[in-house]
Every structure is written in structure tokens, then in C-alpha cells.
Amino acid sequence: MEDSKENIIYMIHRLEELSKVNVSNAYKLNTYDRLCELAVNSYELDKKNRKVELKDMVQYFCLWWLSNRKNMRYYTSYEKIGKLLNKNHTTVVHHISKRKPSNFYNQNIACIKDFLM
């Protein structure tokens, strides 16, 4: 019995390391929340970079998050998704409403679009 408790605690701590989520919040996450974390970690959307490809992927991710926000349990506000992206909540608003997509937007978002669909 103690081995299974230790395994669960180890898995929660490992999840905390991988997804940058507090252990207390690990129980609150559903599949959409985990999909957000996987997308951010696998495509490195939280990096500070000025490349157009990354900005297009962040913009698509923010638009996808806005359309699926009602399905999420933890990442329901601009502030929480901004923390996940390592950006301010106003940057998330900018990506949703103000940013103009680049000329190669469809090519840049093809991989993350397949991942999130």
C-alpha cells in the first residue's frame, strides 16, 4: 500500500517538473489543461524569442485557447494562460485581438494545428 502511495507522489512530483504546475493544482487539471501544457512544452511557446514562426504558433495557440476556454478547468483566465506562456496577460490579449498574422502564417502553424486538432 505504501509503495503505491509513493509511486503516486513520485508521479505527481514528476508531473510538476515536466509541466511547471504546483502539486496542489495537479488534481484540478483535465485533458484540455494537459493538452495546453503539452503544446507549450513541446513547441517551446514559453521561450522569449522574436522569430516569426514562434509568434505565429503562439498566436494560433492563444486563439485555440480562447475557443476552448469553456472546456478547461484550470487555465480559464488570461492571467493563468499568460503564466503558462511566461508572458503577461496583455500579451495574450494582443495575440488574440491585435496581432496581424505573417505572410507564411498557414505554413508556420501547420504542426501545432495538427497537434491541437
PDB file of N, CA and C in Angstrom:
ATOM      1  N   MET A   1       0.827  -1.197   0.000  1.00  0.00           N
ATOM      2  CA  MET A   1       0.000   0.000   0.000  1.00  0.00           C
ATOM      3  C   MET A   1       0.868   1.257   0.000  1.00  0.00           C
ATOM      4  N   GLU A   2       1.947   1.230   0.779  1.00  0.00           N
ATOM      5  CA  GLU A   2       2.816   2.389   0.841  1.00  0.00           C
ATOM      6  C   GLU A   2       3.564   2.601  -0.467  1.00  0.00           C
ATOM      7  N   ASP A   3       3.875   1.507  -1.162  1.00  0.00           N
ATOM      8  CA  ASP A   3       4.560   1.616  -2.449  1.00  0.00           C
ATOM      9  C   ASP A   3       3.692   2.348  -3.470  1.00  0.00           C
ATOM     10  N   SER A   4       2.408   2.055  -3.475  1.00  0.00           N
ATOM     11  CA  SER A   4       1.529   2.725  -4.431  1.00  0.00           C
ATOM     12  C   SER A   4       1.391   4.208  -4.090  1.00  0.00           C
ATOM     13  N   LYS A   5       1.348   4.544  -2.815  1.00  0.00           N
ATOM     14  CA  LYS A   5       1.288   5.956  -2.423  1.00  0.00           C
ATOM     15  C   LYS A   5       2.573   6.670  -2.824  1.00  0.00           C
ATOM     16  N   GLU A   6       3.702   6.006  -2.634  1.00  0.00           N
ATOM     17  CA  GLU A   6       4.977   6.604  -3.024  1.00  0.00           C
ATOM     18  C   GLU A   6       5.052   6.787  -4.535  1.00  0.00           C
ATOM     19  N   ASN A   7       4.539   5.828  -5.278  1.00  0.00           N
ATOM     20  CA  ASN A   7       4.517   5.946  -6.734  1.00  0.00           C
ATOM     21  C   ASN A   7       3.639   7.102  -7.188  1.00  0.00           C
ATOM     22  N   ILE A   8       2.501   7.262  -6.562  1.00  0.00           N
ATOM     23  CA  ILE A   8       1.610   8.364  -6.921  1.00  0.00           C
ATOM     24  C   ILE A   8       2.264   9.701  -6.599  1.00  0.00           C
ATOM     25  N   ILE A   9       2.882   9.788  -5.436  1.00  0.00           N
ATOM     26  CA  ILE A   9       3.559  11.035  -5.057  1.00  0.00           C
ATOM     27  C   ILE A   9       4.711  11.315  -6.012  1.00  0.00           C
ATOM     28  N   TYR A  10       5.463  10.277  -6.396  1.00  0.00           N
ATOM     29  CA  TYR A  10       6.554  10.461  -7.351  1.00  0.00           C
ATOM     30  C   TYR A  10       6.022  10.936  -8.692  1.00  0.00           C
ATOM     31  N   MET A  11       4.923  10.345  -9.160  1.00  0.00           N
ATOM     32  CA  MET A  11       4.353  10.753 -10.451  1.00  0.00           C
ATOM     33  C   MET A  11       3.855  12.196 -10.404  1.00  0.00           C
ATOM     34  N   ILE A  12       3.282  12.609  -9.295  1.00  0.00           N
ATOM     35  CA  ILE A  12       2.809  13.987  -9.169  1.00  0.00           C
ATOM     36  C   ILE A  12       3.996  14.952  -9.171  1.00  0.00           C
ATOM     37  N   HIS A  13       5.051  14.598  -8.467  1.00  0.00           N
ATOM     38  CA  HIS A  13       6.236  15.458  -8.467  1.00  0.00           C
ATOM     39  C   HIS A  13       6.889  15.502  -9.840  1.00  0.00           C
ATOM     40  N   ARG A  14       6.882  14.386 -10.545  1.00  0.00           N
ATOM     41  CA  ARG A  14       7.428  14.353 -11.911  1.00  0.00           C
ATOM     42  C   ARG A  14       6.571  15.210 -12.840  1.00  0.00           C
ATOM     43  N   LEU A  15       5.260  15.133 -12.665  1.00  0.00           N
ATOM     44  CA  LEU A  15       4.363  15.969 -13.455  1.00  0.00           C
ATOM     45  C   LEU A  15       4.613  17.444 -13.165  1.00  0.00           C
ATOM     46  N   GLU A  16       4.883  17.766 -11.929  1.00  0.00           N
ATOM     47  CA  GLU A  16       5.190  19.141 -11.561  1.00  0.00           C
ATOM     48  C   GLU A  16       6.443  19.622 -12.268  1.00  0.00           C
ATOM     49  N   GLU A  17       7.465  18.775 -12.339  1.00  0.00           N
ATOM     50  CA  GLU A  17       8.696  19.159 -13.020  1.00  0.00           C
ATOM     51  C   GLU A  17       8.476  19.329 -14.512  1.00  0.00           C
ATOM     52  N   LEU A  18       7.700  18.436 -15.102  1.00  0.00           N
ATOM     53  CA  LEU A  18       7.503  18.475 -16.545  1.00  0.00           C
ATOM     54  C   LEU A  18       6.589  19.610 -16.987  1.00  0.00           C
ATOM     55  N   SER A  19       5.555  19.853 -16.225  1.00  0.00           N
ATOM     56  CA  SER A  19       4.545  20.798 -16.690  1.00  0.00           C
ATOM     57  C   SER A  19       4.545  22.128 -15.944  1.00  0.00           C
ATOM     58  N   LYS A  20       5.441  22.292 -14.994  1.00  0.00           N
ATOM     59  CA  LYS A  20       5.559  23.551 -14.260  1.00  0.00           C
ATOM     60  C   LYS A  20       4.259  23.916 -13.536  1.00  0.00           C
ATOM     61  N   VAL A  21       3.606  22.933 -12.961  1.00  0.00           N
ATOM     62  CA  VAL A  21       2.353  23.143 -12.242  1.00  0.00           C
ATOM     63  C   VAL A  21       2.583  22.767 -10.791  1.00  0.00           C
ATOM     64  N   ASN A  22       1.962  23.488  -9.875  1.00  0.00           N
ATOM     65  CA  ASN A  22       2.061  23.143  -8.469  1.00  0.00           C
ATOM     66  C   ASN A  22       1.397  21.796  -8.226  1.00  0.00           C
ATOM     67  N   VAL A  23       1.873  21.079  -7.222  1.00  0.00           N
ATOM     68  CA  VAL A  23       1.309  19.773  -6.906  1.00  0.00           C
ATOM     69  C   VAL A  23      -0.151  19.908  -6.507  1.00  0.00           C
ATOM     70  N   SER A  24      -0.513  20.978  -5.838  1.00  0.00           N
ATOM     71  CA  SER A  24      -1.903  21.152  -5.418  1.00  0.00           C
ATOM     72  C   SER A  24      -2.829  21.340  -6.617  1.00  0.00           C
ATOM     73  N   ASN A  25      -2.314  21.841  -7.741  1.00  0.00           N
ATOM     74  CA  ASN A  25      -3.139  22.048  -8.919  1.00  0.00           C
ATOM     75  C   ASN A  25      -3.160  20.832  -9.841  1.00  0.00           C
ATOM     76  N   ALA A  26      -2.318  19.851  -9.595  1.00  0.00           N
ATOM     77  CA  ALA A  26      -2.238  18.695 -10.496  1.00  0.00           C
ATOM     78  C   ALA A  26      -3.536  17.905 -10.509  1.00  0.00           C
ATOM     79  N   TYR A  27      -4.275  17.919  -9.413  1.00  0.00           N
ATOM     80  CA  TYR A  27      -5.538  17.199  -9.375  1.00  0.00           C
ATOM     81  C   TYR A  27      -6.653  17.951 -10.087  1.00  0.00           C
ATOM     82  N   LYS A  28      -6.499  19.235 -10.297  1.00  0.00           N
ATOM     83  CA  LYS A  28      -7.546  20.052 -10.908  1.00  0.00           C
ATOM     84  C   LYS A  28      -7.506  20.024 -12.433  1.00  0.00           C
ATOM     85  N   LEU A  29      -6.459  19.488 -13.027  1.00  0.00           N
ATOM     86  CA  LEU A  29      -6.290  19.555 -14.476  1.00  0.00           C
ATOM     87  C   LEU A  29      -7.135  18.506 -15.176  1.00  0.00           C
ATOM     88  N   ASN A  30      -7.730  18.896 -16.298  1.00  0.00           N
ATOM     89  CA  ASN A  30      -8.412  17.921 -17.144  1.00  0.00           C
ATOM     90  C   ASN A  30      -7.621  17.770 -18.442  1.00  0.00           C
ATOM     91  N   THR A  31      -8.175  17.091 -19.421  1.00  0.00           N
ATOM     92  CA  THR A  31      -7.408  16.783 -20.631  1.00  0.00           C
ATOM     93  C   THR A  31      -7.077  18.030 -21.436  1.00  0.00           C
ATOM     94  N   TYR A  32      -7.966  19.007 -21.470  1.00  0.00           N
ATOM     95  CA  TYR A  32      -7.670  20.243 -22.212  1.00  0.00           C
ATOM     96  C   TYR A  32      -6.536  21.019 -21.542  1.00  0.00           C
ATOM     97  N   ASP A  33      -6.531  21.036 -20.211  1.00  0.00           N
ATOM     98  CA  ASP A  33      -5.449  21.713 -19.497  1.00  0.00           C
ATOM     99  C   ASP A  33      -4.109  21.031 -19.765  1.00  0.00           C
ATOM    100  N   ARG A  34      -4.119  19.727 -19.763  1.00  0.00           N
ATOM    101  CA  ARG A  34      -2.873  18.996 -20.030  1.00  0.00           C
ATOM    102  C   ARG A  34      -2.441  19.143 -21.480  1.00  0.00           C
ATOM    103  N   LEU A  35      -3.402  19.244 -22.380  1.00  0.00           N
ATOM    104  CA  LEU A  35      -3.067  19.476 -23.783  1.00  0.00           C
ATOM    105  C   LEU A  35      -2.405  20.837 -23.955  1.00  0.00           C
ATOM    106  N   CYS A  36      -2.878  21.838 -23.217  1.00  0.00           N
ATOM    107  CA  CYS A  36      -2.231  23.164 -23.232  1.00  0.00           C
ATOM    108  C   CYS A  36      -0.785  23.054 -22.771  1.00  0.00           C
ATOM    109  N   GLU A  37      -0.569  22.359 -21.661  1.00  0.00           N
ATOM    110  CA  GLU A  37       0.786  22.236 -21.135  1.00  0.00           C
ATOM    111  C   GLU A  37       1.693  21.465 -22.086  1.00  0.00           C
ATOM    112  N   LEU A  38       1.160  20.417 -22.694  1.00  0.00           N
ATOM    113  CA  LEU A  38       1.961  19.650 -23.645  1.00  0.00           C
ATOM    114  C   LEU A  38       2.333  20.489 -24.858  1.00  0.00           C
ATOM    115  N   ALA A  39       1.394  21.283 -25.347  1.00  0.00           N
ATOM    116  CA  ALA A  39       1.681  22.128 -26.513  1.00  0.00           C
ATOM    117  C   ALA A  39       2.747  23.170 -26.174  1.00  0.00           C
ATOM    118  N   VAL A  40       2.615  23.797 -25.022  1.00  0.00           N
ATOM    119  CA  VAL A  40       3.581  24.827 -24.634  1.00  0.00           C
ATOM    120  C   VAL A  40       4.963  24.225 -24.431  1.00  0.00           C
ATOM    121  N   ASN A  41       5.026  23.059 -23.785  1.00  0.00           N
ATOM    122  CA  ASN A  41       6.332  22.448 -23.512  1.00  0.00           C
ATOM    123  C   ASN A  41       6.962  21.835 -24.750  1.00  0.00           C
ATOM    124  N   SER A  42       6.169  21.215 -25.611  1.00  0.00           N
ATOM    125  CA  SER A  42       6.770  20.540 -26.758  1.00  0.00           C
ATOM    126  C   SER A  42       7.154  21.513 -27.870  1.00  0.00           C
ATOM    127  N   TYR A  43       6.415  22.601 -28.039  1.00  0.00           N
ATOM    128  CA  TYR A  43       6.767  23.587 -29.070  1.00  0.00           C
ATOM    129  C   TYR A  43       7.521  24.786 -28.498  1.00  0.00           C
ATOM    130  N   GLU A  44       7.823  24.743 -27.205  1.00  0.00           N
ATOM    131  CA  GLU A  44       8.580  25.795 -26.508  1.00  0.00           C
ATOM    132  C   GLU A  44       7.966  27.168 -26.740  1.00  0.00           C
ATOM    133  N   LEU A  45       6.670  27.253 -26.515  1.00  0.00           N
ATOM    134  CA  LEU A  45       5.965  28.515 -26.700  1.00  0.00           C
ATOM    135  C   LEU A  45       6.249  29.510 -25.580  1.00  0.00           C
ATOM    136  N   ASP A  46       6.848  29.051 -24.499  1.00  0.00           N
ATOM    137  CA  ASP A  46       7.142  29.943 -23.382  1.00  0.00           C
ATOM    138  C   ASP A  46       8.510  30.607 -23.485  1.00  0.00           C
ATOM    139  N   LYS A  47       9.245  30.355 -24.556  1.00  0.00           N
ATOM    140  CA  LYS A  47      10.561  30.968 -24.739  1.00  0.00           C
ATOM    141  C   LYS A  47      10.417  32.421 -25.176  1.00  0.00           C
ATOM    142  N   LYS A  48      11.390  33.211 -24.804  1.00  0.00           N
ATOM    143  CA  LYS A  48      11.426  34.604 -25.242  1.00  0.00           C
ATOM    144  C   LYS A  48      12.218  34.654 -26.538  1.00  0.00           C
ATOM    145  N   ASN A  49      11.507  34.821 -27.634  1.00  0.00           N
ATOM    146  CA  ASN A  49      12.121  34.771 -28.947  1.00  0.00           C
ATOM    147  C   ASN A  49      11.342  35.696 -29.871  1.00  0.00           C
ATOM    148  N   ARG A  50      12.013  36.270 -30.848  1.00  0.00           N
ATOM    149  CA  ARG A  50      11.357  37.195 -31.756  1.00  0.00           C
ATOM    150  C   ARG A  50      11.130  36.602 -33.140  1.00  0.00           C
ATOM    151  N   LYS A  51      11.302  35.296 -33.276  1.00  0.00           N
ATOM    152  CA  LYS A  51      11.117  34.670 -34.575  1.00  0.00           C
ATOM    153  C   LYS A  51       9.637  34.663 -34.954  1.00  0.00           C
ATOM    154  N   VAL A  52       9.382  34.874 -36.218  1.00  0.00           N
ATOM    155  CA  VAL A  52       8.011  34.968 -36.712  1.00  0.00           C
ATOM    156  C   VAL A  52       7.290  33.632 -36.566  1.00  0.00           C
ATOM    157  N   GLU A  53       7.996  32.534 -36.769  1.00  0.00           N
ATOM    158  CA  GLU A  53       7.380  31.215 -36.655  1.00  0.00           C
ATOM    159  C   GLU A  53       6.826  30.988 -35.252  1.00  0.00           C
ATOM    160  N   LEU A  54       7.625  31.356 -34.249  1.00  0.00           N
ATOM    161  CA  LEU A  54       7.186  31.188 -32.873  1.00  0.00           C
ATOM    162  C   LEU A  54       6.008  32.100 -32.559  1.00  0.00           C
ATOM    163  N   LYS A  55       6.055  33.320 -33.019  1.00  0.00           N
ATOM    164  CA  LYS A  55       4.962  34.259 -32.759  1.00  0.00           C
ATOM    165  C   LYS A  55       3.666  33.782 -33.402  1.00  0.00           C
ATOM    166  N   ASP A  56       3.754  33.222 -34.608  1.00  0.00           N
ATOM    167  CA  ASP A  56       2.561  32.692 -35.259  1.00  0.00           C
ATOM    168  C   ASP A  56       1.988  31.514 -34.486  1.00  0.00           C
ATOM    169  N   MET A  57       2.874  30.629 -33.983  1.00  0.00           N
ATOM    170  CA  MET A  57       2.391  29.491 -33.209  1.00  0.00           C
ATOM    171  C   MET A  57       1.758  29.936 -31.894  1.00  0.00           C
ATOM    172  N   VAL A  58       2.349  30.951 -31.252  1.00  0.00           N
ATOM    173  CA  VAL A  58       1.763  31.476 -30.016  1.00  0.00           C
ATOM    174  C   VAL A  58       0.407  32.104 -30.312  1.00  0.00           C
ATOM    175  N   GLN A  59       0.295  32.809 -31.415  1.00  0.00           N
ATOM    176  CA  GLN A  59      -0.980  33.415 -31.773  1.00  0.00           C
ATOM    177  C   GLN A  59      -2.045  32.346 -32.025  1.00  0.00           C
ATOM    178  N   TYR A  60      -1.690  31.302 -32.760  1.00  0.00           N
ATOM    179  CA  TYR A  60      -2.651  30.230 -33.004  1.00  0.00           C
ATOM    180  C   TYR A  60      -3.039  29.545 -31.699  1.00  0.00           C
ATOM    181  N   PHE A  61      -2.051  29.316 -30.829  1.00  0.00           N
ATOM    182  CA  PHE A  61      -2.343  28.694 -29.538  1.00  0.00           C
ATOM    183  C   PHE A  61      -3.298  29.555 -28.719  1.00  0.00           C
ATOM    184  N   CYS A  62      -3.088  30.859 -28.709  1.00  0.00           N
ATOM    185  CA  CYS A  62      -3.975  31.756 -27.956  1.00  0.00           C
ATOM    186  C   CYS A  62      -5.393  31.747 -28.537  1.00  0.00           C
ATOM    187  N   LEU A  63      -5.504  31.722 -29.849  1.00  0.00           N
ATOM    188  CA  LEU A  63      -6.827  31.661 -30.475  1.00  0.00           C
ATOM    189  C   LEU A  63      -7.509  30.326 -30.191  1.00  0.00           C
ATOM    190  N   TRP A  64      -6.736  29.240 -30.218  1.00  0.00           N
ATOM    191  CA  TRP A  64      -7.290  27.931 -29.887  1.00  0.00           C
ATOM    192  C   TRP A  64      -7.741  27.904 -28.430  1.00  0.00           C
ATOM    193  N   TRP A  65      -6.932  28.488 -27.551  1.00  0.00           N
ATOM    194  CA  TRP A  65      -7.290  28.524 -26.134  1.00  0.00           C
ATOM    195  C   TRP A  65      -8.576  29.318 -25.929  1.00  0.00           C
ATOM    196  N   LEU A  66      -8.730  30.421 -26.632  1.00  0.00           N
ATOM    197  CA  LEU A  66      -9.929  31.237 -26.477  1.00  0.00           C
ATOM    198  C   LEU A  66     -11.178  30.470 -26.900  1.00  0.00           C
ATOM    199  N   SER A  67     -11.079  29.695 -27.971  1.00  0.00           N
ATOM    200  CA  SER A  67     -12.246  28.950 -28.430  1.00  0.00           C
ATOM    201  C   SER A  67     -12.559  27.743 -27.549  1.00  0.00           C
ATOM    202  N   ASN A  68     -11.575  27.222 -26.830  1.00  0.00           N
ATOM    203  CA  ASN A  68     -11.776  26.047 -25.970  1.00  0.00           C
ATOM    204  C   ASN A  68     -11.717  26.372 -24.486  1.00  0.00           C
ATOM    205  N   ARG A  69     -11.764  27.613 -24.126  1.00  0.00           N
ATOM    206  CA  ARG A  69     -11.611  28.019 -22.727  1.00  0.00           C
ATOM    207  C   ARG A  69     -12.723  27.461 -21.838  1.00  0.00           C
ATOM    208  N   LYS A  70     -13.904  27.297 -22.388  1.00  0.00           N
ATOM    209  CA  LYS A  70     -15.025  26.796 -21.584  1.00  0.00           C
ATOM    210  C   LYS A  70     -14.840  25.335 -21.174  1.00  0.00           C
ATOM    211  N   ASN A  71     -13.975  24.599 -21.885  1.00  0.00           N
ATOM    212  CA  ASN A  71     -13.730  23.186 -21.572  1.00  0.00           C
ATOM    213  C   ASN A  71     -12.631  22.989 -20.535  1.00  0.00           C
ATOM    214  N   MET A  72     -11.940  24.037 -20.163  1.00  0.00           N
ATOM    215  CA  MET A  72     -10.802  23.916 -19.263  1.00  0.00           C
ATOM    216  C   MET A  72     -11.228  24.135 -17.821  1.00  0.00           C
ATOM    217  N   ARG A  73     -10.461  23.528 -16.923  1.00  0.00           N
ATOM    218  CA  ARG A  73     -10.719  23.701 -15.504  1.00  0.00           C
ATOM    219  C   ARG A  73      -9.762  24.678 -14.850  1.00  0.00           C
ATOM    220  N   TYR A  74      -8.503  24.608 -15.228  1.00  0.00           N
ATOM    221  CA  TYR A  74      -7.501  25.434 -14.542  1.00  0.00           C
ATOM    222  C   TYR A  74      -7.136  26.678 -15.347  1.00  0.00           C
ATOM    223  N   TYR A  75      -6.884  26.522 -16.629  1.00  0.00           N
ATOM    224  CA  TYR A  75      -6.447  27.657 -17.448  1.00  0.00           C
ATOM    225  C   TYR A  75      -7.665  28.366 -18.039  1.00  0.00           C
ATOM    226  N   THR A  76      -8.397  29.050 -17.177  1.00  0.00           N
ATOM    227  CA  THR A  76      -9.630  29.702 -17.618  1.00  0.00           C
ATOM    228  C   THR A  76      -9.476  31.210 -17.774  1.00  0.00           C
ATOM    229  N   SER A  77      -8.405  31.783 -17.291  1.00  0.00           N
ATOM    230  CA  SER A  77      -8.250  33.238 -17.356  1.00  0.00           C
ATOM    231  C   SER A  77      -7.015  33.604 -18.173  1.00  0.00           C
ATOM    232  N   TYR A  78      -7.008  34.853 -18.611  1.00  0.00           N
ATOM    233  CA  TYR A  78      -5.865  35.366 -19.370  1.00  0.00           C
ATOM    234  C   TYR A  78      -4.593  35.343 -18.533  1.00  0.00           C
ATOM    235  N   GLU A  79      -4.735  35.592 -17.251  1.00  0.00           N
ATOM    236  CA  GLU A  79      -3.564  35.628 -16.377  1.00  0.00           C
ATOM    237  C   GLU A  79      -2.924  34.247 -16.236  1.00  0.00           C
ATOM    238  N   LYS A  80      -3.743  33.201 -16.098  1.00  0.00           N
ATOM    239  CA  LYS A  80      -3.195  31.853 -15.938  1.00  0.00           C
ATOM    240  C   LYS A  80      -2.551  31.357 -17.224  1.00  0.00           C
ATOM    241  N   ILE A  81      -3.165  31.627 -18.356  1.00  0.00           N
ATOM    242  CA  ILE A  81      -2.561  31.191 -19.618  1.00  0.00           C
ATOM    243  C   ILE A  81      -1.311  32.024 -19.912  1.00  0.00           C
ATOM    244  N   GLY A  82      -1.305  33.284 -19.463  1.00  0.00           N
ATOM    245  CA  GLY A  82      -0.112  34.105 -19.599  1.00  0.00           C
ATOM    246  C   GLY A  82       1.043  33.572 -18.779  1.00  0.00           C
ATOM    247  N   LYS A  83       0.761  33.089 -17.566  1.00  0.00           N
ATOM    248  CA  LYS A  83       1.815  32.482 -16.743  1.00  0.00           C
ATOM    249  C   LYS A  83       2.357  31.222 -17.395  1.00  0.00           C
ATOM    250  N   LEU A  84       1.466  30.432 -18.009  1.00  0.00           N
ATOM    251  CA  LEU A  84       1.912  29.221 -18.691  1.00  0.00           C
ATOM    252  C   LEU A  84       2.830  29.558 -19.860  1.00  0.00           C
ATOM    253  N   LEU A  85       2.512  30.635 -20.577  1.00  0.00           N
ATOM    254  CA  LEU A  85       3.318  31.059 -21.716  1.00  0.00           C
ATOM    255  C   LEU A  85       4.509  31.918 -21.310  1.00  0.00           C
ATOM    256  N   ASN A  86       4.641  32.198 -20.014  1.00  0.00           N
ATOM    257  CA  ASN A  86       5.719  33.035 -19.492  1.00  0.00           C
ATOM    258  C   ASN A  86       5.637  34.448 -20.071  1.00  0.00           C
ATOM    259  N   LYS A  87       4.408  34.930 -20.189  1.00  0.00           N
ATOM    260  CA  LYS A  87       4.152  36.264 -20.717  1.00  0.00           C
ATOM    261  C   LYS A  87       3.099  36.953 -19.842  1.00  0.00           C
ATOM    262  N   ASN A  88       2.878  38.207 -20.100  1.00  0.00           N
ATOM    263  CA  ASN A  88       1.869  38.959 -19.389  1.00  0.00           C
ATOM    264  C   ASN A  88       0.496  38.682 -20.001  1.00  0.00           C
ATOM    265  N   HIS A  89      -0.578  38.904 -19.229  1.00  0.00           N
ATOM    266  CA  HIS A  89      -1.906  38.646 -19.777  1.00  0.00           C
ATOM    267  C   HIS A  89      -2.250  39.611 -20.909  1.00  0.00           C
ATOM    268  N   THR A  90      -1.639  40.789 -20.914  1.00  0.00           N
ATOM    269  CA  THR A  90      -1.898  41.726 -22.006  1.00  0.00           C
ATOM    270  C   THR A  90      -1.277  41.248 -23.320  1.00  0.00           C
ATOM    271  N   THR A  91      -0.199  40.479 -23.232  1.00  0.00           N
ATOM    272  CA  THR A  91       0.391  39.900 -24.435  1.00  0.00           C
ATOM    273  C   THR A  91      -0.549  38.864 -25.038  1.00  0.00           C
ATOM    274  N   VAL A  92      -1.234  38.114 -24.198  1.00  0.00           N
ATOM    275  CA  VAL A  92      -2.218  37.142 -24.685  1.00  0.00           C
ATOM    276  C   VAL A  92      -3.353  37.871 -25.393  1.00  0.00           C
ATOM    277  N   VAL A  93      -3.821  38.958 -24.824  1.00  0.00           N
ATOM    278  CA  VAL A  93      -4.874  39.758 -25.461  1.00  0.00           C
ATOM    279  C   VAL A  93      -4.386  40.316 -26.790  1.00  0.00           C
ATOM    280  N   HIS A  94      -3.136  40.754 -26.838  1.00  0.00           N
ATOM    281  CA  HIS A  94      -2.566  41.272 -28.077  1.00  0.00           C
ATOM    282  C   HIS A  94      -2.546  40.201 -29.165  1.00  0.00           C
ATOM    283  N   HIS A  95      -2.137  38.988 -28.805  1.00  0.00           N
ATOM    284  CA  HIS A  95      -2.086  37.902 -29.791  1.00  0.00           C
ATOM    285  C   HIS A  95      -3.483  37.534 -30.277  1.00  0.00           C
ATOM    286  N   ILE A  96      -4.484  37.678 -29.433  1.00  0.00           N
ATOM    287  CA  ILE A  96      -5.848  37.311 -29.821  1.00  0.00           C
ATOM    288  C   ILE A  96      -6.485  38.383 -30.689  1.00  0.00           C
ATOM    289  N   SER A  97      -6.315  39.636 -30.323  1.00  0.00           N
ATOM    290  CA  SER A  97      -7.106  40.668 -30.995  1.00  0.00           C
ATOM    291  C   SER A  97      -6.325  41.613 -31.902  1.00  0.00           C
ATOM    292  N   LYS A  98      -5.062  41.864 -31.634  1.00  0.00           N
ATOM    293  CA  LYS A  98      -4.354  42.926 -32.348  1.00  0.00           C
ATOM    294  C   LYS A  98      -3.318  42.454 -33.360  1.00  0.00           C
ATOM    295  N   ARG A  99      -2.659  41.325 -33.102  1.00  0.00           N
ATOM    296  CA  ARG A  99      -1.518  40.933 -33.932  1.00  0.00           C
ATOM    297  C   ARG A  99      -1.966  40.509 -35.322  1.00  0.00           C
ATOM    298  N   LYS A 100      -1.267  41.031 -36.321  1.00  0.00           N
ATOM    299  CA  LYS A 100      -1.521  40.668 -37.703  1.00  0.00           C
ATOM    300  C   LYS A 100      -0.698  39.430 -38.044  1.00  0.00           C
ATOM    301  N   PRO A 101      -1.315  38.382 -38.592  1.00  0.00           N
ATOM    302  CA  PRO A 101      -0.540  37.179 -38.940  1.00  0.00           C
ATOM    303  C   PRO A 101       0.482  37.479 -40.033  1.00  0.00           C
ATOM    304  N   SER A 102       1.560  36.715 -40.028  1.00  0.00           N
ATOM    305  CA  SER A 102       2.604  36.915 -41.026  1.00  0.00           C
ATOM    306  C   SER A 102       2.154  36.371 -42.383  1.00  0.00           C
ATOM    307  N   ASN A 103       2.974  36.576 -43.396  1.00  0.00           N
ATOM    308  CA  ASN A 103       2.643  36.099 -44.738  1.00  0.00           C
ATOM    309  C   ASN A 103       2.651  34.574 -44.826  1.00  0.00           C
ATOM    310  N   PHE A 104       3.459  33.924 -44.006  1.00  0.00           N
ATOM    311  CA  PHE A 104       3.563  32.471 -44.020  1.00  0.00           C
ATOM    312  C   PHE A 104       2.854  31.851 -42.809  1.00  0.00           C
ATOM    313  N   TYR A 105       1.776  32.459 -42.380  1.00  0.00           N
ATOM    314  CA  TYR A 105       1.060  32.029 -41.174  1.00  0.00           C
ATOM    315  C   TYR A 105       0.612  30.574 -41.280  1.00  0.00           C
ATOM    316  N   ASN A 106      -0.001  30.207 -42.394  1.00  0.00           N
ATOM    317  CA  ASN A 106      -0.521  28.838 -42.541  1.00  0.00           C
ATOM    318  C   ASN A 106       0.589  27.799 -42.526  1.00  0.00           C
ATOM    319  N   GLN A 107       1.728  28.117 -43.090  1.00  0.00           N
ATOM    320  CA  GLN A 107       2.859  27.182 -43.070  1.00  0.00           C
ATOM    321  C   GLN A 107       3.463  27.089 -41.670  1.00  0.00           C
ATOM    322  N   ASN A 108       3.499  28.205 -40.963  1.00  0.00           N
ATOM    323  CA  ASN A 108       4.117  28.224 -39.638  1.00  0.00           C
ATOM    324  C   ASN A 108       3.294  27.492 -38.584  1.00  0.00           C
ATOM    325  N   ILE A 109       1.975  27.468 -38.762  1.00  0.00           N
ATOM    326  CA  ILE A 109       1.134  26.855 -37.733  1.00  0.00           C
ATOM    327  C   ILE A 109       0.722  25.432 -38.077  1.00  0.00           C
ATOM    328  N   ALA A 110       1.188  24.891 -39.178  1.00  0.00           N
ATOM    329  CA  ALA A 110       0.727  23.562 -39.609  1.00  0.00           C
ATOM    330  C   ALA A 110       0.971  22.484 -38.556  1.00  0.00           C
ATOM    331  N   CYS A 111       2.151  22.476 -37.942  1.00  0.00           N
ATOM    332  CA  CYS A 111       2.478  21.413 -36.983  1.00  0.00           C
ATOM    333  C   CYS A 111       1.672  21.553 -35.692  1.00  0.00           C
ATOM    334  N   ILE A 112       1.542  22.757 -35.155  1.00  0.00           N
ATOM    335  CA  ILE A 112       0.787  22.924 -33.899  1.00  0.00           C
ATOM    336  C   ILE A 112      -0.711  22.763 -34.154  1.00  0.00           C
ATOM    337  N   LYS A 113      -1.146  23.092 -35.356  1.00  0.00           N
ATOM    338  CA  LYS A 113      -2.553  22.911 -35.702  1.00  0.00           C
ATOM    339  C   LYS A 113      -2.910  21.427 -35.705  1.00  0.00           C
ATOM    340  N   ASP A 114      -2.042  20.597 -36.274  1.00  0.00           N
ATOM    341  CA  ASP A 114      -2.268  19.148 -36.250  1.00  0.00           C
ATOM    342  C   ASP A 114      -2.229  18.611 -34.817  1.00  0.00           C
ATOM    343  N   PHE A 115      -1.367  19.166 -33.987  1.00  0.00           N
ATOM    344  CA  PHE A 115      -1.234  18.702 -32.606  1.00  0.00           C
ATOM    345  C   PHE A 115      -2.483  19.019 -31.799  1.00  0.00           C
ATOM    346  N   LEU A 116      -3.032  20.200 -31.979  1.00  0.00           N
ATOM    347  CA  LEU A 116      -4.175  20.630 -31.170  1.00  0.00           C
ATOM    348  C   LEU A 116      -5.529  20.169 -31.712  1.00  0.00           C
ATOM    349  N   MET A 117      -5.573  19.746 -32.956  1.00  0.00           N
ATOM    350  CA  MET A 117      -6.854  19.282 -33.516  1.00  0.00           C
ATOM    351  C   MET A 117      -7.087  17.870 -33.200  1.00  0.00           C
TER     352      MET A 117
END
